[in-house]
Amino acid sequence: MKIGRVWGTVVSTINTPVFEDRRLLLCDLLDLDLESTGAYTIAVDTVGAGAGETVLILDEGNSARQVLNREPDGEIRALVVGIVDEVTVSA
């Protein structure tokens, strides 16, 4: 799992069937202080997240495909699976 901030949507005119009627979100990956790591990912939205929101990203292809009940060879790698309200780190 990773934490990210949604920058916006990605528009693709040609998609494989698994992406039909699904929003793709461009997410800036964050560290535990919610600062940008400089890395980005594109994730399929499953929770209705919007630009500027902090989100929980499932970035492991097999788990993502299982969440969406896809075949083992599905084209999904990353999903937005939650909107983060708060991050608390304890030592």
PDB file of N, CA and C in Angstrom:
ATOM      1  N   MET A   1       0.839  -1.176   0.000  1.00  0.00           N
ATOM      2  CA  MET A   1       0.000   0.000   0.000  1.00  0.00           C
ATOM      3  C   MET A   1       0.881   1.235   0.000  1.00  0.00           C
ATOM      4  N   LYS A   2       0.386   2.256  -0.661  1.00  0.00           N
ATOM      5  CA  LYS A   2       1.086   3.531  -0.739  1.00  0.00           C
ATOM      6  C   LYS A   2       0.090   4.649  -0.463  1.00  0.00           C
ATOM      7  N   ILE A   3       0.627   5.807  -0.106  1.00  0.00           N
ATOM      8  CA  ILE A   3      -0.198   6.993   0.093  1.00  0.00           C
ATOM      9  C   ILE A   3       0.113   7.946  -1.052  1.00  0.00           C
ATOM     10  N   GLY A   4      -0.919   8.563  -1.603  1.00  0.00           N
ATOM     11  CA  GLY A   4      -0.721   9.495  -2.710  1.00  0.00           C
ATOM     12  C   GLY A   4      -1.693  10.649  -2.638  1.00  0.00           C
ATOM     13  N   ARG A   5      -1.426  11.642  -3.465  1.00  0.00           N
ATOM     14  CA  ARG A   5      -2.341  12.775  -3.601  1.00  0.00           C
ATOM     15  C   ARG A   5      -2.772  12.836  -5.058  1.00  0.00           C
ATOM     16  N   VAL A   6      -4.069  12.922  -5.271  1.00  0.00           N
ATOM     17  CA  VAL A   6      -4.615  12.936  -6.625  1.00  0.00           C
ATOM     18  C   VAL A   6      -4.347  14.296  -7.267  1.00  0.00           C
ATOM     19  N   TRP A   7      -3.721  14.257  -8.440  1.00  0.00           N
ATOM     20  CA  TRP A   7      -3.477  15.481  -9.206  1.00  0.00           C
ATOM     21  C   TRP A   7      -4.593  15.725 -10.206  1.00  0.00           C
ATOM     22  N   GLY A   8      -5.159  14.668 -10.735  1.00  0.00           N
ATOM     23  CA  GLY A   8      -6.225  14.819 -11.724  1.00  0.00           C
ATOM     24  C   GLY A   8      -6.496  13.495 -12.404  1.00  0.00           C
ATOM     25  N   THR A   9      -7.281  13.560 -13.456  1.00  0.00           N
ATOM     26  CA  THR A   9      -7.641  12.348 -14.183  1.00  0.00           C
ATOM     27  C   THR A   9      -6.772  12.204 -15.423  1.00  0.00           C
ATOM     28  N   VAL A  10      -6.661  10.976 -15.883  1.00  0.00           N
ATOM     29  CA  VAL A  10      -5.944  10.657 -17.107  1.00  0.00           C
ATOM     30  C   VAL A  10      -6.985  10.240 -18.134  1.00  0.00           C
ATOM     31  N   VAL A  11      -6.911  10.819 -19.327  1.00  0.00           N
ATOM     32  CA  VAL A  11      -7.861  10.501 -20.386  1.00  0.00           C
ATOM     33  C   VAL A  11      -7.151   9.673 -21.453  1.00  0.00           C
ATOM     34  N   SER A  12      -7.753   8.546 -21.783  1.00  0.00           N
ATOM     35  CA  SER A  12      -7.217   7.666 -22.815  1.00  0.00           C
ATOM     36  C   SER A  12      -8.340   7.356 -23.797  1.00  0.00           C
ATOM     37  N   THR A  13      -8.086   7.590 -25.071  1.00  0.00           N
ATOM     38  CA  THR A  13      -9.137   7.359 -26.069  1.00  0.00           C
ATOM     39  C   THR A  13      -9.248   5.897 -26.481  1.00  0.00           C
ATOM     40  N   ILE A  14      -8.179   5.131 -26.260  1.00  0.00           N
ATOM     41  CA  ILE A  14      -8.203   3.703 -26.577  1.00  0.00           C
ATOM     42  C   ILE A  14      -7.870   2.951 -25.294  1.00  0.00           C
ATOM     43  N   ASN A  15      -8.778   2.068 -24.857  1.00  0.00           N
ATOM     44  CA  ASN A  15      -8.618   1.332 -23.608  1.00  0.00           C
ATOM     45  C   ASN A  15      -8.849  -0.155 -23.822  1.00  0.00           C
ATOM     46  N   THR A  16      -8.258  -0.965 -22.968  1.00  0.00           N
ATOM     47  CA  THR A  16      -8.650  -2.360 -22.910  1.00  0.00           C
ATOM     48  C   THR A  16      -9.994  -2.401 -22.188  1.00  0.00           C
ATOM     49  N   PRO A  17     -10.779  -3.448 -22.354  1.00  0.00           N
ATOM     50  CA  PRO A  17     -12.124  -3.496 -21.770  1.00  0.00           C
ATOM     51  C   PRO A  17     -12.186  -3.274 -20.259  1.00  0.00           C
ATOM     52  N   VAL A  18     -11.158  -3.667 -19.512  1.00  0.00           N
ATOM     53  CA  VAL A  18     -11.195  -3.528 -18.059  1.00  0.00           C
ATOM     54  C   VAL A  18     -11.253  -2.058 -17.622  1.00  0.00           C
ATOM     55  N   PHE A  19     -10.792  -1.145 -18.476  1.00  0.00           N
ATOM     56  CA  PHE A  19     -10.800   0.272 -18.128  1.00  0.00           C
ATOM     57  C   PHE A  19     -12.071   0.993 -18.569  1.00  0.00           C
ATOM     58  N   GLU A  20     -12.955   0.326 -19.285  1.00  0.00           N
ATOM     59  CA  GLU A  20     -14.205   0.952 -19.712  1.00  0.00           C
ATOM     60  C   GLU A  20     -15.013   1.400 -18.496  1.00  0.00           C
ATOM     61  N   ASP A  21     -15.513   2.606 -18.519  1.00  0.00           N
ATOM     62  CA  ASP A  21     -16.353   3.173 -17.451  1.00  0.00           C
ATOM     63  C   ASP A  21     -15.612   3.279 -16.116  1.00  0.00           C
ATOM     64  N   ARG A  22     -14.297   3.348 -16.130  1.00  0.00           N
ATOM     65  CA  ARG A  22     -13.510   3.535 -14.906  1.00  0.00           C
ATOM     66  C   ARG A  22     -12.633   4.771 -15.081  1.00  0.00           C
ATOM     67  N   ARG A  23     -12.503   5.534 -13.978  1.00  0.00           N
ATOM     68  CA  ARG A  23     -11.648   6.722 -14.022  1.00  0.00           C
ATOM     69  C   ARG A  23     -10.216   6.339 -13.669  1.00  0.00           C
ATOM     70  N   LEU A  24      -9.286   6.911 -14.399  1.00  0.00           N
ATOM     71  CA  LEU A  24      -7.873   6.745 -14.114  1.00  0.00           C
ATOM     72  C   LEU A  24      -7.381   8.026 -13.445  1.00  0.00           C
ATOM     73  N   LEU A  25      -6.689   7.889 -12.320  1.00  0.00           N
ATOM     74  CA  LEU A  25      -6.222   9.044 -11.565  1.00  0.00           C
ATOM     75  C   LEU A  25      -4.699   9.116 -11.580  1.00  0.00           C
ATOM     76  N   LEU A  26      -4.167  10.302 -11.822  1.00  0.00           N
ATOM     77  CA  LEU A  26      -2.740  10.550 -11.704  1.00  0.00           C
ATOM     78  C   LEU A  26      -2.467  10.917 -10.259  1.00  0.00           C
ATOM     79  N   CYS A  27      -1.645  10.117  -9.584  1.00  0.00           N
ATOM     80  CA  CYS A  27      -1.381  10.296  -8.154  1.00  0.00           C
ATOM     81  C   CYS A  27       0.091  10.549  -7.899  1.00  0.00           C
ATOM     82  N   ASP A  28       0.375  11.582  -7.120  1.00  0.00           N
ATOM     83  CA  ASP A  28       1.714  11.903  -6.646  1.00  0.00           C
ATOM     84  C   ASP A  28       1.943  11.071  -5.391  1.00  0.00           C
ATOM     85  N   LEU A  29       2.970  10.226  -5.375  1.00  0.00           N
ATOM     86  CA  LEU A  29       3.223   9.377  -4.210  1.00  0.00           C
ATOM     87  C   LEU A  29       3.836  10.203  -3.086  1.00  0.00           C
ATOM     88  N   LEU A  30       3.404   9.926  -1.842  1.00  0.00           N
ATOM     89  CA  LEU A  30       3.806  10.705  -0.679  1.00  0.00           C
ATOM     90  C   LEU A  30       4.568   9.846   0.318  1.00  0.00           C
ATOM     91  N   ASP A  31       5.395  10.507   1.149  1.00  0.00           N
ATOM     92  CA  ASP A  31       6.049   9.811   2.253  1.00  0.00           C
ATOM     93  C   ASP A  31       5.151   9.914   3.496  1.00  0.00           C
ATOM     94  N   LEU A  32       5.613   9.429   4.643  1.00  0.00           N
ATOM     95  CA  LEU A  32       4.770   9.429   5.849  1.00  0.00           C
ATOM     96  C   LEU A  32       4.515  10.822   6.416  1.00  0.00           C
ATOM     97  N   ASP A  33       5.298  11.819   5.967  1.00  0.00           N
ATOM     98  CA  ASP A  33       5.046  13.208   6.361  1.00  0.00           C
ATOM     99  C   ASP A  33       4.117  13.896   5.366  1.00  0.00           C
ATOM    100  N   LEU A  34       3.574  13.111   4.433  1.00  0.00           N
ATOM    101  CA  LEU A  34       2.686  13.584   3.374  1.00  0.00           C
ATOM    102  C   LEU A  34       3.364  14.578   2.444  1.00  0.00           C
ATOM    103  N   GLU A  35       4.683  14.408   2.272  1.00  0.00           N
ATOM    104  CA  GLU A  35       5.460  15.200   1.318  1.00  0.00           C
ATOM    105  C   GLU A  35       5.688  14.364   0.066  1.00  0.00           C
ATOM    106  N   SER A  36       5.755  15.027  -1.072  1.00  0.00           N
ATOM    107  CA  SER A  36       5.950  14.327  -2.333  1.00  0.00           C
ATOM    108  C   SER A  36       7.287  13.600  -2.365  1.00  0.00           C
ATOM    109  N   THR A  37       7.272  12.379  -2.900  1.00  0.00           N
ATOM    110  CA  THR A  37       8.517  11.623  -3.097  1.00  0.00           C
ATOM    111  C   THR A  37       9.106  11.901  -4.473  1.00  0.00           C
ATOM    112  N   GLY A  38       8.361  12.594  -5.315  1.00  0.00           N
ATOM    113  CA  GLY A  38       8.801  12.857  -6.677  1.00  0.00           C
ATOM    114  C   GLY A  38       8.393  11.767  -7.655  1.00  0.00           C
ATOM    115  N   ALA A  39       7.725  10.737  -7.165  1.00  0.00           N
ATOM    116  CA  ALA A  39       7.267   9.640  -8.018  1.00  0.00           C
ATOM    117  C   ALA A  39       5.752   9.745  -8.217  1.00  0.00           C
ATOM    118  N   TYR A  40       5.284   9.240  -9.334  1.00  0.00           N
ATOM    119  CA  TYR A  40       3.865   9.264  -9.670  1.00  0.00           C
ATOM    120  C   TYR A  40       3.398   7.881 -10.079  1.00  0.00           C
ATOM    121  N   THR A  41       2.098   7.660 -10.000  1.00  0.00           N
ATOM    122  CA  THR A  41       1.508   6.438 -10.532  1.00  0.00           C
ATOM    123  C   THR A  41       0.126   6.780 -11.076  1.00  0.00           C
ATOM    124  N   ILE A  42      -0.349   5.958 -11.973  1.00  0.00           N
ATOM    125  CA  ILE A  42      -1.719   6.066 -12.470  1.00  0.00           C
ATOM    126  C   ILE A  42      -2.490   4.899 -11.867  1.00  0.00           C
ATOM    127  N   ALA A  43      -3.615   5.207 -11.212  1.00  0.00           N
ATOM    128  CA  ALA A  43      -4.390   4.182 -10.518  1.00  0.00           C
ATOM    129  C   ALA A  43      -5.857   4.263 -10.918  1.00  0.00           C
ATOM    130  N   VAL A  44      -6.517   3.126 -10.918  1.00  0.00           N
ATOM    131  CA  VAL A  44      -7.950   3.052 -11.197  1.00  0.00           C
ATOM    132  C   VAL A  44      -8.702   3.471  -9.934  1.00  0.00           C
ATOM    133  N   ASP A  45      -9.637   4.397 -10.076  1.00  0.00           N
ATOM    134  CA  ASP A  45     -10.416   4.901  -8.940  1.00  0.00           C
ATOM    135  C   ASP A  45     -11.546   3.941  -8.602  1.00  0.00           C
ATOM    136  N   THR A  46     -11.611   3.516  -7.329  1.00  0.00           N
ATOM    137  CA  THR A  46     -12.715   2.661  -6.889  1.00  0.00           C
ATOM    138  C   THR A  46     -13.547   3.329  -5.796  1.00  0.00           C
ATOM    139  N   VAL A  47     -13.185   4.564  -5.405  1.00  0.00           N
ATOM    140  CA  VAL A  47     -13.852   5.206  -4.267  1.00  0.00           C
ATOM    141  C   VAL A  47     -14.400   6.598  -4.577  1.00  0.00           C
ATOM    142  N   GLY A  48     -14.234   7.096  -5.788  1.00  0.00           N
ATOM    143  CA  GLY A  48     -14.741   8.416  -6.128  1.00  0.00           C
ATOM    144  C   GLY A  48     -13.860   9.551  -5.631  1.00  0.00           C
ATOM    145  N   ALA A  49     -12.553   9.339  -5.622  1.00  0.00           N
ATOM    146  CA  ALA A  49     -11.611  10.369  -5.160  1.00  0.00           C
ATOM    147  C   ALA A  49     -11.513  11.492  -6.184  1.00  0.00           C
ATOM    148  N   GLY A  50     -11.183  12.686  -5.674  1.00  0.00           N
ATOM    149  CA  GLY A  50     -11.056  13.844  -6.539  1.00  0.00           C
ATOM    150  C   GLY A  50      -9.707  14.512  -6.398  1.00  0.00           C
ATOM    151  N   ALA A  51      -9.443  15.463  -7.271  1.00  0.00           N
ATOM    152  CA  ALA A  51      -8.174  16.187  -7.283  1.00  0.00           C
ATOM    153  C   ALA A  51      -7.908  16.824  -5.925  1.00  0.00           C
ATOM    154  N   GLY A  52      -6.678  16.679  -5.453  1.00  0.00           N
ATOM    155  CA  GLY A  52      -6.267  17.262  -4.189  1.00  0.00           C
ATOM    156  C   GLY A  52      -6.463  16.362  -2.983  1.00  0.00           C
ATOM    157  N   GLU A  53      -7.196  15.267  -3.136  1.00  0.00           N
ATOM    158  CA  GLU A  53      -7.440  14.381  -1.996  1.00  0.00           C
ATOM    159  C   GLU A  53      -6.252  13.438  -1.778  1.00  0.00           C
ATOM    160  N   THR A  54      -6.009  13.119  -0.510  1.00  0.00           N
ATOM    161  CA  THR A  54      -4.992  12.145  -0.133  1.00  0.00           C
ATOM    162  C   THR A  54      -5.658  10.779  -0.141  1.00  0.00           C
ATOM    163  N   VAL A  55      -5.010   9.821  -0.825  1.00  0.00           N
ATOM    164  CA  VAL A  55      -5.643   8.518  -1.039  1.00  0.00           C
ATOM    165  C   VAL A  55      -4.712   7.375  -0.677  1.00  0.00           C
ATOM    166  N   LEU A  56      -5.311   6.220  -0.432  1.00  0.00           N
ATOM    167  CA  LEU A  56      -4.592   4.981  -0.188  1.00  0.00           C
ATOM    168  C   LEU A  56      -4.582   4.202  -1.501  1.00  0.00           C
ATOM    169  N   ILE A  57      -3.385   3.818  -1.942  1.00  0.00           N
ATOM    170  CA  ILE A  57      -3.228   3.162  -3.235  1.00  0.00           C
ATOM    171  C   ILE A  57      -2.748   1.730  -3.022  1.00  0.00           C
ATOM    172  N   LEU A  58      -3.479   0.796  -3.577  1.00  0.00           N
ATOM    173  CA  LEU A  58      -3.067  -0.604  -3.602  1.00  0.00           C
ATOM    174  C   LEU A  58      -2.263  -0.763  -4.883  1.00  0.00           C
ATOM    175  N   ASP A  59      -0.942  -0.884  -4.761  1.00  0.00           N
ATOM    176  CA  ASP A  59      -0.060  -0.901  -5.927  1.00  0.00           C
ATOM    177  C   ASP A  59       0.622  -2.257  -6.042  1.00  0.00           C
ATOM    178  N   GLU A  60      -0.182  -3.262  -6.257  1.00  0.00           N
ATOM    179  CA  GLU A  60       0.315  -4.625  -6.427  1.00  0.00           C
ATOM    180  C   GLU A  60      -0.677  -5.328  -7.339  1.00  0.00           C
ATOM    181  N   GLY A  61      -0.246  -5.630  -8.538  1.00  0.00           N
ATOM    182  CA  GLY A  61      -1.138  -6.115  -9.582  1.00  0.00           C
ATOM    183  C   GLY A  61      -2.073  -7.245  -9.209  1.00  0.00           C
ATOM    184  N   ASN A  62      -1.562  -8.304  -8.572  1.00  0.00           N
ATOM    185  CA  ASN A  62      -2.404  -9.449  -8.253  1.00  0.00           C
ATOM    186  C   ASN A  62      -3.530  -9.055  -7.296  1.00  0.00           C
ATOM    187  N   SER A  63      -3.214  -8.323  -6.252  1.00  0.00           N
ATOM    188  CA  SER A  63      -4.244  -7.886  -5.300  1.00  0.00           C
ATOM    189  C   SER A  63      -5.255  -6.972  -5.966  1.00  0.00           C
ATOM    190  N   ALA A  64      -4.785  -6.075  -6.824  1.00  0.00           N
ATOM    191  CA  ALA A  64      -5.688  -5.159  -7.534  1.00  0.00           C
ATOM    192  C   ALA A  64      -6.658  -5.942  -8.409  1.00  0.00           C
ATOM    193  N   ARG A  65      -6.155  -6.937  -9.106  1.00  0.00           N
ATOM    194  CA  ARG A  65      -7.038  -7.752  -9.953  1.00  0.00           C
ATOM    195  C   ARG A  65      -8.055  -8.520  -9.118  1.00  0.00           C
ATOM    196  N   GLN A  66      -7.648  -8.996  -7.931  1.00  0.00           N
ATOM    197  CA  GLN A  66      -8.574  -9.714  -7.066  1.00  0.00           C
ATOM    198  C   GLN A  66      -9.686  -8.801  -6.568  1.00  0.00           C
ATOM    199  N   VAL A  67      -9.355  -7.562  -6.242  1.00  0.00           N
ATOM    200  CA  VAL A  67     -10.369  -6.612  -5.774  1.00  0.00           C
ATOM    201  C   VAL A  67     -11.439  -6.414  -6.849  1.00  0.00           C
ATOM    202  N   LEU A  68     -11.010  -6.361  -8.102  1.00  0.00           N
ATOM    203  CA  LEU A  68     -11.950  -6.138  -9.206  1.00  0.00           C
ATOM    204  C   LEU A  68     -12.450  -7.431  -9.843  1.00  0.00           C
ATOM    205  N   ASN A  69     -12.090  -8.581  -9.256  1.00  0.00           N
ATOM    206  CA  ASN A  69     -12.513  -9.887  -9.784  1.00  0.00           C
ATOM    207  C   ASN A  69     -12.113 -10.080 -11.244  1.00  0.00           C
ATOM    208  N   ARG A  70     -10.847  -9.757 -11.551  1.00  0.00           N
ATOM    209  CA  ARG A  70     -10.342  -9.898 -12.913  1.00  0.00           C
ATOM    210  C   ARG A  70      -9.561 -11.204 -13.047  1.00  0.00           C
ATOM    211  N   GLU A  71      -9.393 -11.638 -14.272  1.00  0.00           N
ATOM    212  CA  GLU A  71      -8.586 -12.824 -14.572  1.00  0.00           C
ATOM    213  C   GLU A  71      -7.143 -12.585 -14.133  1.00  0.00           C
ATOM    214  N   PRO A  72      -6.381 -13.641 -13.909  1.00  0.00           N
ATOM    215  CA  PRO A  72      -4.980 -13.479 -13.486  1.00  0.00           C
ATOM    216  C   PRO A  72      -4.136 -12.644 -14.443  1.00  0.00           C
ATOM    217  N   ASP A  73      -4.521 -12.593 -15.706  1.00  0.00           N
ATOM    218  CA  ASP A  73      -3.738 -11.824 -16.668  1.00  0.00           C
ATOM    219  C   ASP A  73      -4.353 -10.451 -16.949  1.00  0.00           C
ATOM    220  N   GLY A  74      -5.169  -9.941 -16.031  1.00  0.00           N
ATOM    221  CA  GLY A  74      -5.787  -8.621 -16.210  1.00  0.00           C
ATOM    222  C   GLY A  74      -4.754  -7.519 -16.303  1.00  0.00           C
ATOM    223  N   GLU A  75      -5.154  -6.387 -16.833  1.00  0.00           N
ATOM    224  CA  GLU A  75      -4.240  -5.281 -17.106  1.00  0.00           C
ATOM    225  C   GLU A  75      -4.136  -4.290 -15.959  1.00  0.00           C
ATOM    226  N   ILE A  76      -4.717  -4.571 -14.817  1.00  0.00           N
ATOM    227  CA  ILE A  76      -4.745  -3.626 -13.691  1.00  0.00           C
ATOM    228  C   ILE A  76      -3.521  -3.825 -12.812  1.00  0.00           C
ATOM    229  N   ARG A  77      -2.889  -2.729 -12.410  1.00  0.00           N
ATOM    230  CA  ARG A  77      -1.772  -2.807 -11.480  1.00  0.00           C
ATOM    231  C   ARG A  77      -2.076  -2.056 -10.193  1.00  0.00           C
ATOM    232  N   ALA A  78      -2.650  -0.850 -10.285  1.00  0.00           N
ATOM    233  CA  ALA A  78      -2.844  -0.011  -9.099  1.00  0.00           C
ATOM    234  C   ALA A  78      -4.289   0.462  -8.994  1.00  0.00           C
ATOM    235  N   LEU A  79      -4.796   0.469  -7.754  1.00  0.00           N
ATOM    236  CA  LEU A  79      -6.153   0.935  -7.465  1.00  0.00           C
ATOM    237  C   LEU A  79      -6.120   1.962  -6.341  1.00  0.00           C
ATOM    238  N   VAL A  80      -6.980   2.957  -6.433  1.00  0.00           N
ATOM    239  CA  VAL A  80      -7.234   3.825  -5.281  1.00  0.00           C
ATOM    240  C   VAL A  80      -8.333   3.132  -4.491  1.00  0.00           C
ATOM    241  N   VAL A  81      -8.016   2.730  -3.248  1.00  0.00           N
ATOM    242  CA  VAL A  81      -8.953   1.940  -2.456  1.00  0.00           C
ATOM    243  C   VAL A  81      -9.473   2.676  -1.222  1.00  0.00           C
ATOM    244  N   GLY A  82      -9.014   3.904  -0.993  1.00  0.00           N
ATOM    245  CA  GLY A  82      -9.501   4.645   0.176  1.00  0.00           C
ATOM    246  C   GLY A  82      -9.095   6.101   0.111  1.00  0.00           C
ATOM    247  N   ILE A  83      -9.862   6.927   0.800  1.00  0.00           N
ATOM    248  CA  ILE A  83      -9.528   8.340   0.958  1.00  0.00           C
ATOM    249  C   ILE A  83      -9.019   8.510   2.380  1.00  0.00           C
ATOM    250  N   VAL A  84      -7.818   9.084   2.526  1.00  0.00           N
ATOM    251  CA  VAL A  84      -7.154   9.197   3.822  1.00  0.00           C
ATOM    252  C   VAL A  84      -7.591  10.477   4.521  1.00  0.00           C
ATOM    253  N   ASP A  85      -8.063  10.322   5.775  1.00  0.00           N
ATOM    254  CA  ASP A  85      -8.430  11.481   6.583  1.00  0.00           C
ATOM    255  C   ASP A  85      -7.244  11.992   7.385  1.00  0.00           C
ATOM    256  N   GLU A  86      -6.428  11.047   7.877  1.00  0.00           N
ATOM    257  CA  GLU A  86      -5.341  11.415   8.779  1.00  0.00           C
ATOM    258  C   GLU A  86      -4.286  10.310   8.770  1.00  0.00           C
ATOM    259  N   VAL A  87      -3.032  10.700   8.942  1.00  0.00           N
ATOM    260  CA  VAL A  87      -1.934   9.739   9.069  1.00  0.00           C
ATOM    261  C   VAL A  87      -1.279   9.979  10.423  1.00  0.00           C
ATOM    262  N   THR A  88      -1.193   8.918  11.230  1.00  0.00           N
ATOM    263  CA  THR A  88      -0.544   8.996  12.531  1.00  0.00           C
ATOM    264  C   THR A  88       0.589   7.973  12.573  1.00  0.00           C
ATOM    265  N   VAL A  89       1.797   8.439  12.842  1.00  0.00           N
ATOM    266  CA  VAL A  89       2.955   7.571  12.914  1.00  0.00           C
ATOM    267  C   VAL A  89       3.433   7.553  14.349  1.00  0.00           C
ATOM    268  N   SER A  90       3.522   6.361  14.939  1.00  0.00           N
ATOM    269  CA  SER A  90       4.014   6.240  16.311  1.00  0.00           C
ATOM    270  C   SER A  90       5.307   5.449  16.327  1.00  0.00           C
ATOM    271  N   ALA A  91       6.206   5.848  17.185  1.00  0.00           N
ATOM    272  CA  ALA A  91       7.526   5.208  17.242  1.00  0.00           C
ATOM    273  C   ALA A  91       7.517   3.976  18.112  1.00  0.00           C
TER     274      ALA A  91
END
